[in-house]
PDB file of N, CA and C in Angstrom:
ATOM      1  N   MET A   1      12.121  25.449 -14.426  1.00  0.00           N
ATOM      2  CA  MET A   1      12.861  26.434 -13.798  1.00  0.00           C
ATOM      3  C   MET A   1      13.529  27.505 -13.243  1.00  0.00           C
ATOM      4  N   ARG A   2      13.946  27.626 -12.046  1.00  0.00           N
ATOM      5  CA  ARG A   2      14.522  29.087 -10.936  1.00  0.00           C
ATOM      6  C   ARG A   2      14.869  28.928 -10.467  1.00  0.00           C
ATOM      7  N   ASP A   3      16.660  30.026 -10.599  1.00  0.00           N
ATOM      8  CA  ASP A   3      17.217  29.730  -9.707  1.00  0.00           C
ATOM      9  C   ASP A   3      17.450  30.341  -8.651  1.00  0.00           C
ATOM     10  N   THR A   4      17.346  29.778  -7.602  1.00  0.00           N
ATOM     11  CA  THR A   4      17.088  30.671  -6.030  1.00  0.00           C
ATOM     12  C   THR A   4      18.625  29.741  -4.851  1.00  0.00           C
ATOM     13  N   THR A   5      18.095  29.993  -3.759  1.00  0.00           N
ATOM     14  CA  THR A   5      18.719  29.570  -2.693  1.00  0.00           C
ATOM     15  C   THR A   5      18.389  28.887  -1.529  1.00  0.00           C
ATOM     16  N   VAL A   6      18.406  28.116  -1.361  1.00  0.00           N
ATOM     17  CA  VAL A   6      18.305  27.333  -0.088  1.00  0.00           C
ATOM     18  C   VAL A   6      19.520  27.557   1.708  1.00  0.00           C
ATOM     19  N   ALA A   7      19.021  28.262   3.159  1.00  0.00           N
ATOM     20  CA  ALA A   7      19.452  29.061   3.805  1.00  0.00           C
ATOM     21  C   ALA A   7      21.376  28.603   3.117  1.00  0.00           C
ATOM     22  N   ASP A   8      21.832  29.482   2.116  1.00  0.00           N
ATOM     23  CA  ASP A   8      22.572  30.423   1.203  1.00  0.00           C
ATOM     24  C   ASP A   8      23.655  29.112   0.441  1.00  0.00           C
ATOM     25  N   ARG A   9      22.779  28.092   0.473  1.00  0.00           N
ATOM     26  CA  ARG A   9      23.037  27.033  -1.053  1.00  0.00           C
ATOM     27  C   ARG A   9      21.957  28.007  -2.310  1.00  0.00           C
ATOM     28  N   PRO A  10      23.289  27.572  -3.614  1.00  0.00           N
ATOM     29  CA  PRO A  10      22.775  27.544  -4.844  1.00  0.00           C
ATOM     30  C   PRO A  10      21.561  26.241  -4.956  1.00  0.00           C
ATOM     31  N   ALA A  11      20.773  26.737  -5.242  1.00  0.00           N
ATOM     32  CA  ALA A  11      19.260  25.659  -5.201  1.00  0.00           C
ATOM     33  C   ALA A  11      18.734  26.077  -6.734  1.00  0.00           C
ATOM     34  N   LEU A  12      17.813  25.685  -7.135  1.00  0.00           N
ATOM     35  CA  LEU A  12      17.146  25.170  -8.307  1.00  0.00           C
ATOM     36  C   LEU A  12      15.203  24.591  -7.831  1.00  0.00           C
ATOM     37  N   THR A  13      14.258  25.664  -8.139  1.00  0.00           N
ATOM     38  CA  THR A  13      13.240  24.943  -8.402  1.00  0.00           C
ATOM     39  C   THR A  13      12.462  24.636  -9.390  1.00  0.00           C
ATOM     40  N   PHE A  14      11.803  23.067  -9.611  1.00  0.00           N
ATOM     41  CA  PHE A  14      11.263  22.945 -10.678  1.00  0.00           C
ATOM     42  C   PHE A  14      10.141  21.712 -10.286  1.00  0.00           C
ATOM     43  N   ARG A  15       9.594  22.658 -11.743  1.00  0.00           N
ATOM     44  CA  ARG A  15       7.904  21.094 -12.249  1.00  0.00           C
ATOM     45  C   ARG A  15       9.103  20.085 -13.191  1.00  0.00           C
ATOM     46  N   GLU A  16       7.817  19.102 -12.963  1.00  0.00           N
ATOM     47  CA  GLU A  16       8.779  17.821 -14.302  1.00  0.00           C
ATOM     48  C   GLU A  16       6.536  17.804 -15.147  1.00  0.00           C
ATOM     49  N   LYS A  17       6.841  17.647 -15.854  1.00  0.00           N
ATOM     50  CA  LYS A  17       6.238  17.321 -17.056  1.00  0.00           C
ATOM     51  C   LYS A  17       4.652  16.242 -16.440  1.00  0.00           C
ATOM     52  N   ASN A  18       5.718  15.568 -16.229  1.00  0.00           N
ATOM     53  CA  ASN A  18       4.848  14.620 -15.722  1.00  0.00           C
ATOM     54  C   ASN A  18       3.871  14.691 -14.296  1.00  0.00           C
ATOM     55  N   ASP A  19       4.137  15.012 -13.781  1.00  0.00           N
ATOM     56  CA  ASP A  19       3.201  15.633 -12.241  1.00  0.00           C
ATOM     57  C   ASP A  19       3.382  17.435 -12.445  1.00  0.00           C
ATOM     58  N   PRO A  20       2.290  17.663 -12.867  1.00  0.00           N
ATOM     59  CA  PRO A  20       2.106  18.692 -13.240  1.00  0.00           C
ATOM     60  C   PRO A  20       1.465  19.620 -11.260  1.00  0.00           C
ATOM     61  N   ASP A  21       1.377  18.204 -10.481  1.00  0.00           N
ATOM     62  CA  ASP A  21       1.046  19.112  -9.238  1.00  0.00           C
ATOM     63  C   ASP A  21       2.134  18.774  -7.691  1.00  0.00           C
ATOM     64  N   GLY A  22       2.974  18.504  -8.173  1.00  0.00           N
ATOM     65  CA  GLY A  22       4.201  18.610  -7.451  1.00  0.00           C
ATOM     66  C   GLY A  22       5.338  20.032  -8.107  1.00  0.00           C
ATOM     67  N   CYS A  23       6.284  20.210  -7.005  1.00  0.00           N
ATOM     68  CA  CYS A  23       7.605  20.847  -7.460  1.00  0.00           C
ATOM     69  C   CYS A  23       8.403  20.222  -6.397  1.00  0.00           C
ATOM     70  N   PHE A  24       9.687  20.244  -7.476  1.00  0.00           N
ATOM     71  CA  PHE A  24      11.043  19.878  -6.232  1.00  0.00           C
ATOM     72  C   PHE A  24      11.360  21.388  -6.221  1.00  0.00           C
ATOM     73  N   VAL A  25      12.346  20.679  -5.398  1.00  0.00           N
ATOM     74  CA  VAL A  25      13.726  22.352  -4.422  1.00  0.00           C
ATOM     75  C   VAL A  25      15.304  21.388  -5.048  1.00  0.00           C
ATOM     76  N   ALA A  26      16.626  21.701  -5.432  1.00  0.00           N
ATOM     77  CA  ALA A  26      16.582  21.355  -5.145  1.00  0.00           C
ATOM     78  C   ALA A  26      18.247  22.413  -4.952  1.00  0.00           C
ATOM     79  N   PHE A  27      19.095  21.314  -3.936  1.00  0.00           N
ATOM     80  CA  PHE A  27      19.744  21.995  -3.751  1.00  0.00           C
ATOM     81  C   PHE A  27      21.165  21.868  -2.897  1.00  0.00           C
ATOM     82  N   ALA A  28      22.346  22.144  -3.070  1.00  0.00           N
ATOM     83  CA  ALA A  28      23.836  22.077  -3.328  1.00  0.00           C
ATOM     84  C   ALA A  28      24.280  21.528  -2.475  1.00  0.00           C
ATOM     85  N   ALA A  29      24.935  20.270  -2.484  1.00  0.00           N
ATOM     86  CA  ALA A  29      25.926  19.918  -1.468  1.00  0.00           C
ATOM     87  C   ALA A  29      27.198  18.685  -1.144  1.00  0.00           C
ATOM     88  N   GLU A  30      28.249  19.041  -0.501  1.00  0.00           N
ATOM     89  CA  GLU A  30      29.593  18.463  -0.977  1.00  0.00           C
ATOM     90  C   GLU A  30      29.647  17.101  -2.128  1.00  0.00           C
ATOM     91  N   GLN A  31      28.468  16.728  -0.786  1.00  0.00           N
ATOM     92  CA  GLN A  31      28.196  15.660  -2.240  1.00  0.00           C
ATOM     93  C   GLN A  31      27.186  15.070  -2.801  1.00  0.00           C
ATOM     94  N   GLY A  32      26.942  16.454  -3.877  1.00  0.00           N
ATOM     95  CA  GLY A  32      25.871  16.291  -5.223  1.00  0.00           C
ATOM     96  C   GLY A  32      24.800  17.016  -4.648  1.00  0.00           C
ATOM     97  N   MET A  33      24.104  16.560  -4.446  1.00  0.00           N
ATOM     98  CA  MET A  33      22.430  17.778  -3.981  1.00  0.00           C
ATOM     99  C   MET A  33      21.734  17.037  -3.251  1.00  0.00           C
ATOM    100  N   PHE A  34      20.406  17.707  -2.553  1.00  0.00           N
ATOM    101  CA  PHE A  34      19.625  17.116  -1.930  1.00  0.00           C
ATOM    102  C   PHE A  34      18.366  17.182  -2.764  1.00  0.00           C
ATOM    103  N   GLU A  35      17.822  17.354  -2.597  1.00  0.00           N
ATOM    104  CA  GLU A  35      16.182  17.358  -3.359  1.00  0.00           C
ATOM    105  C   GLU A  35      15.198  16.704  -2.317  1.00  0.00           C
ATOM    106  N   VAL A  36      14.798  17.945  -2.267  1.00  0.00           N
ATOM    107  CA  VAL A  36      12.386  18.024  -1.659  1.00  0.00           C
ATOM    108  C   VAL A  36      11.784  18.175  -2.170  1.00  0.00           C
ATOM    109  N   ARG A  37      10.608  16.752  -2.691  1.00  0.00           N
ATOM    110  CA  ARG A  37       8.989  17.564  -2.968  1.00  0.00           C
ATOM    111  C   ARG A  37       8.318  17.680  -2.703  1.00  0.00           C
ATOM    112  N   VAL A  38       7.339  17.838  -3.007  1.00  0.00           N
ATOM    113  CA  VAL A  38       6.168  18.656  -2.330  1.00  0.00           C
ATOM    114  C   VAL A  38       4.987  18.202  -3.980  1.00  0.00           C
ATOM    115  N   SER A  39       3.976  17.505  -2.867  1.00  0.00           N
ATOM    116  CA  SER A  39       3.184  17.280  -4.416  1.00  0.00           C
ATOM    117  C   SER A  39       1.390  17.208  -4.424  1.00  0.00           C
ATOM    118  N   TRP A  40       0.485  17.623  -4.806  1.00  0.00           N
ATOM    119  CA  TRP A  40      -0.159  16.948  -4.066  1.00  0.00           C
ATOM    120  C   TRP A  40      -1.202  15.539  -4.587  1.00  0.00           C
ATOM    121  N   ILE A  41      -1.350  14.704  -3.377  1.00  0.00           N
ATOM    122  CA  ILE A  41      -1.465  13.095  -3.257  1.00  0.00           C
ATOM    123  C   ILE A  41      -2.300  12.763  -3.859  1.00  0.00           C
ATOM    124  N   SER A  42      -3.434  13.644  -4.294  1.00  0.00           N
ATOM    125  CA  SER A  42      -5.792  13.366  -3.970  1.00  0.00           C
ATOM    126  C   SER A  42      -6.167  14.912  -4.408  1.00  0.00           C
ATOM    127  N   ASN A  43      -6.639  14.188  -5.390  1.00  0.00           N
ATOM    128  CA  ASN A  43      -7.723  15.078  -5.939  1.00  0.00           C
ATOM    129  C   ASN A  43      -9.348  15.443  -4.763  1.00  0.00           C
ATOM    130  N   GLU A  44      -9.189  15.211  -3.821  1.00  0.00           N
ATOM    131  CA  GLU A  44     -10.565  15.394  -2.749  1.00  0.00           C
ATOM    132  C   GLU A  44      -9.699  16.888  -1.600  1.00  0.00           C
ATOM    133  N   GLY A  45     -10.929  17.472  -1.195  1.00  0.00           N
ATOM    134  CA  GLY A  45     -10.590  18.467  -0.678  1.00  0.00           C
ATOM    135  C   GLY A  45      -9.451  19.755  -1.281  1.00  0.00           C
ATOM    136  N   PRO A  46      -9.479  20.850  -1.162  1.00  0.00           N
ATOM    137  CA  PRO A  46      -9.151  22.235  -1.512  1.00  0.00           C
ATOM    138  C   PRO A  46      -7.640  22.138  -1.237  1.00  0.00           C
ATOM    139  N   ARG A  47      -6.675  22.349  -2.172  1.00  0.00           N
ATOM    140  CA  ARG A  47      -5.455  22.877  -2.203  1.00  0.00           C
ATOM    141  C   ARG A  47      -5.387  24.484  -1.851  1.00  0.00           C
ATOM    142  N   ILE A  48      -5.182  23.812  -1.214  1.00  0.00           N
ATOM    143  CA  ILE A  48      -4.561  25.822  -0.406  1.00  0.00           C
ATOM    144  C   ILE A  48      -2.934  25.847  -0.405  1.00  0.00           C
ATOM    145  N   GLY A  49      -2.189  26.881  -0.841  1.00  0.00           N
ATOM    146  CA  GLY A  49      -1.415  27.196  -1.170  1.00  0.00           C
ATOM    147  C   GLY A  49      -0.573  26.827  -2.031  1.00  0.00           C
ATOM    148  N   ASP A  50       0.571  26.964  -2.733  1.00  0.00           N
ATOM    149  CA  ASP A  50       1.352  26.838  -3.578  1.00  0.00           C
ATOM    150  C   ASP A  50       2.400  25.623  -3.280  1.00  0.00           C
ATOM    151  N   VAL A  51       2.664  24.786  -4.362  1.00  0.00           N
ATOM    152  CA  VAL A  51       3.336  23.400  -3.587  1.00  0.00           C
ATOM    153  C   VAL A  51       4.858  23.590  -4.044  1.00  0.00           C
ATOM    154  N   CYS A  52       5.060  24.861  -5.292  1.00  0.00           N
ATOM    155  CA  CYS A  52       6.586  25.278  -4.810  1.00  0.00           C
ATOM    156  C   CYS A  52       7.124  26.203  -3.253  1.00  0.00           C
ATOM    157  N   GLU A  53       6.483  27.112  -3.356  1.00  0.00           N
ATOM    158  CA  GLU A  53       6.584  27.785  -2.289  1.00  0.00           C
ATOM    159  C   GLU A  53       6.625  27.211  -1.085  1.00  0.00           C
ATOM    160  N   MET A  54       5.951  25.766  -0.650  1.00  0.00           N
ATOM    161  CA  MET A  54       5.798  24.455   0.337  1.00  0.00           C
ATOM    162  C   MET A  54       7.551  24.239   0.325  1.00  0.00           C
ATOM    163  N   ALA A  55       7.862  23.474  -0.847  1.00  0.00           N
ATOM    164  CA  ALA A  55       9.009  22.946  -0.986  1.00  0.00           C
ATOM    165  C   ALA A  55      10.513  23.524  -0.594  1.00  0.00           C
ATOM    166  N   SER A  56      10.462  24.589  -1.348  1.00  0.00           N
ATOM    167  CA  SER A  56      11.237  26.057  -0.452  1.00  0.00           C
ATOM    168  C   SER A  56      11.298  25.760   1.453  1.00  0.00           C
ATOM    169  N   LYS A  57      10.193  26.250   1.115  1.00  0.00           N
ATOM    170  CA  LYS A  57       9.986  26.469   2.749  1.00  0.00           C
ATOM    171  C   LYS A  57      10.300  25.254   3.938  1.00  0.00           C
ATOM    172  N   TYR A  58      10.124  23.989   3.092  1.00  0.00           N
ATOM    173  CA  TYR A  58      10.646  22.850   3.879  1.00  0.00           C
ATOM    174  C   TYR A  58      11.765  22.772   3.622  1.00  0.00           C
ATOM    175  N   ALA A  59      12.576  22.902   2.363  1.00  0.00           N
ATOM    176  CA  ALA A  59      13.579  22.673   2.097  1.00  0.00           C
ATOM    177  C   ALA A  59      14.637  23.477   3.198  1.00  0.00           C
ATOM    178  N   ALA A  60      14.861  25.074   3.118  1.00  0.00           N
ATOM    179  CA  ALA A  60      14.293  25.849   3.905  1.00  0.00           C
ATOM    180  C   ALA A  60      14.571  25.567   5.197  1.00  0.00           C
ATOM    181  N   SER A  61      13.788  24.392   5.832  1.00  0.00           N
ATOM    182  CA  SER A  61      13.179  23.993   7.443  1.00  0.00           C
ATOM    183  C   SER A  61      14.611  22.941   7.510  1.00  0.00           C
ATOM    184  N   LEU A  62      15.152  21.754   6.872  1.00  0.00           N
ATOM    185  CA  LEU A  62      15.398  20.442   6.212  1.00  0.00           C
ATOM    186  C   LEU A  62      16.891  21.342   5.986  1.00  0.00           C
ATOM    187  N   ALA A  63      17.930  22.484   5.662  1.00  0.00           N
ATOM    188  CA  ALA A  63      18.297  22.328   5.214  1.00  0.00           C
ATOM    189  C   ALA A  63      19.603  22.758   6.604  1.00  0.00           C
ATOM    190  N   PRO A  64      19.855  23.258   7.516  1.00  0.00           N
ATOM    191  CA  PRO A  64      20.619  23.198   8.732  1.00  0.00           C
ATOM    192  C   PRO A  64      20.773  21.500   8.947  1.00  0.00           C
ATOM    193  N   HIS A  65      19.968  21.163   9.535  1.00  0.00           N
ATOM    194  CA  HIS A  65      20.480  19.885   9.856  1.00  0.00           C
ATOM    195  C   HIS A  65      20.895  19.118   8.768  1.00  0.00           C
ATOM    196  N   LEU A  66      21.193  18.996   7.604  1.00  0.00           N
ATOM    197  CA  LEU A  66      22.035  18.171   6.424  1.00  0.00           C
ATOM    198  C   LEU A  66      23.858  18.721   5.895  1.00  0.00           C
ATOM    199  N   PRO A  67      24.092  17.725   6.291  1.00  0.00           N
ATOM    200  CA  PRO A  67      25.790  18.242   5.297  1.00  0.00           C
ATOM    201  C   PRO A  67      25.673  19.366   4.496  1.00  0.00           C
ATOM    202  N   LYS A  68      26.365  19.961   4.796  1.00  0.00           N
ATOM    203  CA  LYS A  68      26.388  20.986   4.027  1.00  0.00           C
ATOM    204  C   LYS A  68      27.414  20.406   3.019  1.00  0.00           C
TER     205      LYS A  68
END
């Protein structure tokens, strides 16, 4: 688990033990939180990039469109 920020909101990046191919970014909202998950769903083909970096990027892109 790692503290971070998403669009100036407190956030956490983390992985679950039962999902080693995925990464989550959870960030604060007035009504609770939002969670963005990125995961490899297939073992076929190359895996290019880091799923935690992707999750952070997608969360940052979504955050301005979500309630604060």
